[in-house]
Amino acid sequence: MDIKGPKIAGWFLLLFGLGMILWTFYSSYNIFTAKVPAPEIFEIGKIEEETKTPLPAPETVQAPGTSQTQMEKILQEQMKEMLPIKEMLPADVVPRLLNLVCWSIFAGIMFFGGSQIATLGIKLIK
């Protein structure tokens, strides 16, 4: 009875599955400790300076004693106060976060695949 063929294949699959898991773990460690950047799937284009275009004239009733230019100035100041997120977060935070999430999903798939291959190898060895 020759059972060396399945045992050799089983050992190969076991080592290959463990290799997949170890490579994924090592790559993830390097990415999350910032030794290596995450693969870029999402990129951010050049951020162009917003052009200062005048706001369209409001169609509502103006407050008494204010001119159109004063209303535009007040409205622009209000808009600046409402959007402080640009100043708090760097522009590349969202794409970097999405790239890390994509890598995490890929790493999870690789862990699962490696464990399934190693399990198949163990079954062939027995």
N, C-alpha and C. Protein backbone atom coordinates (compact mmCIF):
# COMPACT_ATOMS: atom_id res chain seq x y z
N MET A 1 0.83 -1.17 0.00
CA MET A 1 0.00 0.00 0.00
C MET A 1 0.88 1.25 0.00
N ASP A 2 0.73 2.03 -1.02
CA ASP A 2 1.56 3.23 -1.15
C ASP A 2 0.75 4.44 -0.72
N ILE A 3 1.04 4.99 0.45
CA ILE A 3 0.33 6.17 0.94
C ILE A 3 1.26 7.36 1.09
N LYS A 4 2.40 7.30 0.46
CA LYS A 4 3.35 8.41 0.55
C LYS A 4 2.89 9.61 -0.27
N GLY A 5 2.22 9.39 -1.39
CA GLY A 5 1.78 10.50 -2.24
C GLY A 5 0.86 11.46 -1.52
N PRO A 6 -0.26 10.96 -0.91
CA PRO A 6 -1.14 11.88 -0.17
C PRO A 6 -0.47 12.53 1.05
N LYS A 7 0.46 11.79 1.71
CA LYS A 7 1.14 12.37 2.87
C LYS A 7 2.06 13.52 2.44
N ILE A 8 2.75 13.33 1.33
CA ILE A 8 3.64 14.39 0.84
C ILE A 8 2.81 15.61 0.43
N ALA A 9 1.70 15.36 -0.25
CA ALA A 9 0.81 16.46 -0.64
C ALA A 9 0.22 17.13 0.61
N GLY A 10 -0.12 16.34 1.62
CA GLY A 10 -0.65 16.88 2.87
C GLY A 10 0.35 17.78 3.56
N TRP A 11 1.62 17.35 3.64
CA TRP A 11 2.66 18.18 4.25
C TRP A 11 2.87 19.46 3.45
N PHE A 12 2.84 19.33 2.13
CA PHE A 12 3.00 20.52 1.28
C PHE A 12 1.86 21.52 1.53
N LEU A 13 0.62 21.00 1.57
CA LEU A 13 -0.52 21.90 1.80
C LEU A 13 -0.48 22.51 3.20
N LEU A 14 -0.07 21.72 4.18
CA LEU A 14 0.04 22.24 5.54
C LEU A 14 1.07 23.36 5.60
N LEU A 15 2.24 23.14 5.04
CA LEU A 15 3.28 24.17 5.06
C LEU A 15 2.88 25.40 4.23
N PHE A 16 2.22 25.15 3.09
CA PHE A 16 1.78 26.27 2.26
C PHE A 16 0.73 27.12 3.00
N GLY A 17 -0.23 26.48 3.65
CA GLY A 17 -1.25 27.20 4.42
C GLY A 17 -0.65 27.98 5.57
N LEU A 18 0.29 27.36 6.29
CA LEU A 18 0.96 28.08 7.38
C LEU A 18 1.80 29.22 6.85
N GLY A 19 2.42 29.03 5.68
CA GLY A 19 3.20 30.10 5.06
C GLY A 19 2.31 31.29 4.69
N MET A 20 1.12 31.00 4.16
CA MET A 20 0.18 32.08 3.83
C MET A 20 -0.19 32.88 5.08
N ILE A 21 -0.48 32.15 6.15
CA ILE A 21 -0.89 32.81 7.40
C ILE A 21 0.27 33.65 7.95
N LEU A 22 1.47 33.10 7.97
CA LEU A 22 2.62 33.84 8.51
C LEU A 22 2.97 35.05 7.66
N TRP A 23 2.91 34.90 6.33
CA TRP A 23 3.20 36.04 5.46
C TRP A 23 2.18 37.16 5.67
N THR A 24 0.90 36.79 5.78
CA THR A 24 -0.15 37.80 6.00
C THR A 24 0.04 38.49 7.34
N PHE A 25 0.37 37.70 8.37
CA PHE A 25 0.59 38.29 9.69
C PHE A 25 1.77 39.25 9.67
N TYR A 26 2.87 38.85 9.04
CA TYR A 26 4.06 39.70 8.97
C TYR A 26 3.79 40.98 8.17
N SER A 27 3.10 40.86 7.05
CA SER A 27 2.77 42.04 6.24
C SER A 27 1.85 42.98 7.00
N SER A 28 0.86 42.42 7.69
CA SER A 28 -0.06 43.26 8.47
C SER A 28 0.67 43.97 9.59
N TYR A 29 1.58 43.28 10.24
CA TYR A 29 2.36 43.90 11.31
C TYR A 29 3.16 45.09 10.76
N ASN A 30 3.80 44.90 9.62
CA ASN A 30 4.59 45.99 9.02
C ASN A 30 3.70 47.16 8.60
N ILE A 31 2.52 46.88 8.10
CA ILE A 31 1.62 47.95 7.67
C ILE A 31 1.10 48.74 8.87
N PHE A 32 0.67 48.02 9.89
CA PHE A 32 0.07 48.72 11.03
C PHE A 32 1.08 49.35 11.98
N THR A 33 2.36 49.02 11.83
CA THR A 33 3.39 49.73 12.59
C THR A 33 4.05 50.80 11.73
N ALA A 34 3.51 51.04 10.55
CA ALA A 34 3.94 52.10 9.62
C ALA A 34 5.35 51.90 9.10
N LYS A 35 5.82 50.67 9.06
CA LYS A 35 7.11 50.40 8.44
C LYS A 35 6.96 50.34 6.92
N VAL A 36 5.79 49.94 6.47
CA VAL A 36 5.48 49.82 5.05
C VAL A 36 4.10 50.47 4.85
N PRO A 37 3.91 51.26 3.81
CA PRO A 37 2.57 51.83 3.59
C PRO A 37 1.59 50.75 3.10
N ALA A 38 0.33 50.96 3.41
CA ALA A 38 -0.70 50.04 2.94
C ALA A 38 -0.83 50.15 1.42
N PRO A 39 -1.18 49.07 0.75
CA PRO A 39 -1.38 49.16 -0.70
C PRO A 39 -2.43 50.23 -1.02
N GLU A 40 -2.14 51.05 -2.01
CA GLU A 40 -3.05 52.14 -2.35
C GLU A 40 -4.13 51.67 -3.31
N ILE A 41 -5.31 51.56 -2.79
CA ILE A 41 -6.47 51.23 -3.61
C ILE A 41 -7.26 52.51 -3.86
N PHE A 42 -7.38 53.30 -2.80
CA PHE A 42 -8.06 54.59 -2.89
C PHE A 42 -7.02 55.69 -2.86
N GLU A 43 -7.08 56.59 -3.82
CA GLU A 43 -6.16 57.71 -3.87
C GLU A 43 -6.95 59.01 -3.82
N ILE A 44 -6.29 60.03 -3.31
CA ILE A 44 -6.93 61.34 -3.31
C ILE A 44 -6.23 62.18 -4.36
N GLY A 45 -7.00 62.84 -5.17
CA GLY A 45 -6.43 63.70 -6.21
C GLY A 45 -5.88 64.96 -5.59
N LYS A 46 -5.29 65.78 -6.43
CA LYS A 46 -4.78 67.06 -5.95
C LYS A 46 -5.94 67.90 -5.45
N ILE A 47 -5.74 68.48 -4.31
CA ILE A 47 -6.77 69.36 -3.77
C ILE A 47 -6.49 70.75 -4.31
N GLU A 48 -7.43 71.24 -5.04
CA GLU A 48 -7.26 72.57 -5.61
C GLU A 48 -7.87 73.59 -4.67
N GLU A 49 -7.26 74.73 -4.64
CA GLU A 49 -7.75 75.81 -3.80
C GLU A 49 -9.14 76.22 -4.26
N GLU A 50 -10.02 76.32 -3.31
CA GLU A 50 -11.37 76.73 -3.67
C GLU A 50 -11.36 78.15 -4.22
N THR A 51 -12.08 78.33 -5.28
CA THR A 51 -12.16 79.68 -5.84
C THR A 51 -13.18 80.47 -5.05
N LYS A 52 -12.86 81.69 -4.87
CA LYS A 52 -13.76 82.57 -4.13
C LYS A 52 -14.81 83.11 -5.09
N THR A 53 -15.90 82.41 -5.18
CA THR A 53 -16.99 82.87 -6.02
C THR A 53 -18.03 83.52 -5.13
N PRO A 54 -18.58 84.59 -5.59
CA PRO A 54 -19.61 85.23 -4.76
C PRO A 54 -20.84 84.34 -4.68
N LEU A 55 -21.45 84.38 -3.54
CA LEU A 55 -22.65 83.58 -3.35
C LEU A 55 -23.80 84.19 -4.14
N PRO A 56 -24.71 83.35 -4.62
CA PRO A 56 -25.85 83.90 -5.33
C PRO A 56 -26.72 84.74 -4.40
N ALA A 57 -27.41 85.67 -4.98
CA ALA A 57 -28.25 86.55 -4.18
C ALA A 57 -29.37 85.76 -3.53
N PRO A 58 -29.53 85.93 -2.24
CA PRO A 58 -30.62 85.20 -1.58
C PRO A 58 -31.97 85.73 -2.03
N GLU A 59 -32.90 84.81 -2.09
CA GLU A 59 -34.24 85.19 -2.53
C GLU A 59 -35.16 85.47 -1.36
N THR A 60 -34.58 85.54 -0.18
CA THR A 60 -35.38 85.81 1.00
C THR A 60 -35.34 87.30 1.32
N VAL A 61 -36.14 87.67 2.26
CA VAL A 61 -36.21 89.07 2.66
C VAL A 61 -34.98 89.40 3.51
N GLN A 62 -34.35 90.52 3.20
CA GLN A 62 -33.16 90.93 3.95
C GLN A 62 -33.57 91.59 5.25
N ALA A 63 -32.66 91.50 6.22
CA ALA A 63 -32.89 92.18 7.49
C ALA A 63 -32.79 93.69 7.24
N PRO A 64 -33.60 94.46 7.92
CA PRO A 64 -33.53 95.91 7.70
C PRO A 64 -32.18 96.47 8.13
N GLY A 65 -31.65 97.35 7.31
CA GLY A 65 -30.40 98.01 7.61
C GLY A 65 -29.17 97.27 7.11
N THR A 66 -29.30 96.20 6.34
CA THR A 66 -28.13 95.48 5.82
C THR A 66 -28.18 95.48 4.30
N SER A 67 -27.01 95.63 3.70
CA SER A 67 -26.95 95.62 2.25
C SER A 67 -26.66 94.20 1.75
N GLN A 68 -26.70 94.04 0.43
CA GLN A 68 -26.46 92.74 -0.17
C GLN A 68 -25.04 92.25 0.13
N THR A 69 -24.05 93.13 0.04
CA THR A 69 -22.67 92.71 0.29
C THR A 69 -22.45 92.34 1.76
N GLN A 70 -23.12 93.05 2.67
CA GLN A 70 -23.01 92.71 4.08
C GLN A 70 -23.62 91.33 4.35
N MET A 71 -24.73 91.05 3.69
CA MET A 71 -25.38 89.73 3.85
C MET A 71 -24.46 88.63 3.33
N GLU A 72 -23.81 88.87 2.19
CA GLU A 72 -22.90 87.86 1.63
C GLU A 72 -21.72 87.62 2.56
N LYS A 73 -21.18 88.70 3.12
CA LYS A 73 -20.05 88.58 4.03
C LYS A 73 -20.45 87.79 5.29
N ILE A 74 -21.61 88.09 5.83
CA ILE A 74 -22.09 87.37 7.02
C ILE A 74 -22.29 85.90 6.71
N LEU A 75 -22.87 85.62 5.55
CA LEU A 75 -23.12 84.23 5.16
C LEU A 75 -21.81 83.46 4.96
N GLN A 76 -20.81 84.10 4.35
CA GLN A 76 -19.52 83.44 4.17
C GLN A 76 -18.85 83.16 5.50
N GLU A 77 -18.95 84.07 6.45
CA GLU A 77 -18.38 83.85 7.78
C GLU A 77 -19.09 82.71 8.48
N GLN A 78 -20.39 82.63 8.34
CA GLN A 78 -21.15 81.54 8.94
C GLN A 78 -20.73 80.19 8.35
N MET A 79 -20.50 80.16 7.03
CA MET A 79 -20.09 78.91 6.37
C MET A 79 -18.71 78.49 6.86
N LYS A 80 -17.80 79.43 7.08
CA LYS A 80 -16.47 79.09 7.58
C LYS A 80 -16.56 78.51 8.98
N GLU A 81 -17.45 79.03 9.80
CA GLU A 81 -17.61 78.53 11.17
C GLU A 81 -18.23 77.14 11.18
N MET A 82 -19.06 76.83 10.18
CA MET A 82 -19.77 75.55 10.16
C MET A 82 -18.90 74.41 9.61
N LEU A 83 -17.81 74.70 8.91
CA LEU A 83 -16.99 73.67 8.30
C LEU A 83 -15.58 73.64 8.87
N PRO A 84 -15.41 73.39 10.16
CA PRO A 84 -14.05 73.32 10.71
C PRO A 84 -13.40 71.96 10.48
N ILE A 85 -14.11 71.03 9.87
CA ILE A 85 -13.56 69.69 9.67
C ILE A 85 -12.33 69.75 8.77
N LYS A 86 -12.32 70.62 7.78
CA LYS A 86 -11.17 70.74 6.89
C LYS A 86 -9.91 71.08 7.67
N GLU A 87 -10.07 71.89 8.69
CA GLU A 87 -8.91 72.31 9.47
C GLU A 87 -8.49 71.25 10.47
N MET A 88 -9.41 70.40 10.92
CA MET A 88 -9.09 69.41 11.94
C MET A 88 -8.48 68.15 11.34
N LEU A 89 -8.95 67.70 10.20
CA LEU A 89 -8.48 66.46 9.59
C LEU A 89 -7.62 66.74 8.37
N PRO A 90 -6.49 66.08 8.25
CA PRO A 90 -5.72 66.21 7.02
C PRO A 90 -6.51 65.61 5.85
N ALA A 91 -6.16 66.02 4.65
CA ALA A 91 -6.92 65.63 3.47
C ALA A 91 -6.81 64.15 3.15
N ASP A 92 -5.72 63.50 3.56
CA ASP A 92 -5.53 62.11 3.17
C ASP A 92 -6.00 61.10 4.21
N VAL A 93 -6.73 61.52 5.23
CA VAL A 93 -7.15 60.61 6.29
C VAL A 93 -8.15 59.58 5.77
N VAL A 94 -9.14 60.01 5.03
CA VAL A 94 -10.19 59.09 4.57
C VAL A 94 -9.63 58.04 3.61
N PRO A 95 -8.84 58.42 2.59
CA PRO A 95 -8.28 57.36 1.73
C PRO A 95 -7.35 56.40 2.47
N ARG A 96 -6.56 56.91 3.42
CA ARG A 96 -5.68 56.02 4.19
C ARG A 96 -6.49 55.06 5.03
N LEU A 97 -7.58 55.54 5.63
CA LEU A 97 -8.43 54.67 6.42
C LEU A 97 -9.08 53.60 5.55
N LEU A 98 -9.56 54.00 4.38
CA LEU A 98 -10.16 53.03 3.46
C LEU A 98 -9.13 52.00 2.99
N ASN A 99 -7.90 52.43 2.74
CA ASN A 99 -6.85 51.50 2.35
C ASN A 99 -6.56 50.49 3.46
N LEU A 100 -6.54 50.96 4.71
CA LEU A 100 -6.33 50.04 5.84
C LEU A 100 -7.48 49.06 5.99
N VAL A 101 -8.70 49.54 5.79
CA VAL A 101 -9.86 48.64 5.87
C VAL A 101 -9.79 47.59 4.77
N CYS A 102 -9.43 48.00 3.55
CA CYS A 102 -9.30 47.04 2.45
C CYS A 102 -8.21 46.02 2.74
N TRP A 103 -7.08 46.47 3.29
CA TRP A 103 -6.03 45.53 3.63
C TRP A 103 -6.51 44.56 4.71
N SER A 104 -7.24 45.06 5.69
CA SER A 104 -7.74 44.19 6.76
C SER A 104 -8.68 43.12 6.21
N ILE A 105 -9.53 43.49 5.27
CA ILE A 105 -10.43 42.51 4.65
C ILE A 105 -9.61 41.48 3.88
N PHE A 106 -8.63 41.94 3.12
CA PHE A 106 -7.77 41.02 2.36
C PHE A 106 -7.01 40.09 3.30
N ALA A 107 -6.48 40.63 4.40
CA ALA A 107 -5.75 39.81 5.36
C ALA A 107 -6.67 38.76 5.98
N GLY A 108 -7.90 39.14 6.27
CA GLY A 108 -8.86 38.17 6.82
C GLY A 108 -9.13 37.04 5.84
N ILE A 109 -9.26 37.38 4.57
CA ILE A 109 -9.47 36.35 3.55
C ILE A 109 -8.24 35.43 3.45
N MET A 110 -7.05 36.02 3.53
CA MET A 110 -5.82 35.22 3.47
C MET A 110 -5.68 34.31 4.70
N PHE A 111 -6.02 34.82 5.88
CA PHE A 111 -6.00 33.97 7.08
C PHE A 111 -6.96 32.80 6.92
N PHE A 112 -8.17 33.09 6.47
CA PHE A 112 -9.17 32.04 6.30
C PHE A 112 -8.71 31.02 5.26
N GLY A 113 -8.21 31.51 4.12
CA GLY A 113 -7.74 30.60 3.07
C GLY A 113 -6.57 29.75 3.54
N GLY A 114 -5.62 30.36 4.24
CA GLY A 114 -4.47 29.61 4.76
C GLY A 114 -4.89 28.54 5.75
N SER A 115 -5.86 28.87 6.60
CA SER A 115 -6.31 27.87 7.57
C SER A 115 -7.05 26.72 6.88
N GLN A 116 -7.81 27.02 5.84
CA GLN A 116 -8.51 25.96 5.11
C GLN A 116 -7.53 25.06 4.37
N ILE A 117 -6.51 25.65 3.77
CA ILE A 117 -5.50 24.85 3.06
C ILE A 117 -4.73 23.98 4.06
N ALA A 118 -4.35 24.57 5.21
CA ALA A 118 -3.63 23.80 6.22
C ALA A 118 -4.50 22.67 6.77
N THR A 119 -5.79 22.92 6.96
CA THR A 119 -6.69 21.88 7.44
C THR A 119 -6.80 20.73 6.45
N LEU A 120 -6.86 21.06 5.17
CA LEU A 120 -6.89 20.03 4.13
C LEU A 120 -5.59 19.21 4.16
N GLY A 121 -4.47 19.89 4.37
CA GLY A 121 -3.19 19.18 4.47
C GLY A 121 -3.16 18.25 5.66
N ILE A 122 -3.69 18.67 6.79
CA ILE A 122 -3.73 17.81 7.99
C ILE A 122 -4.59 16.59 7.73
N LYS A 123 -5.71 16.77 7.04
CA LYS A 123 -6.57 15.62 6.72
C LYS A 123 -5.86 14.62 5.81
N LEU A 124 -5.05 15.13 4.88
CA LEU A 124 -4.33 14.23 3.98
C LEU A 124 -3.20 13.50 4.72
N ILE A 125 -2.61 14.14 5.71
CA ILE A 125 -1.53 13.50 6.46
C ILE A 125 -2.08 12.34 7.28
N LYS A 126 -3.26 12.51 7.86
CA LYS A 126 -3.87 11.45 8.69
C LYS A 126 -4.28 10.33 7.78
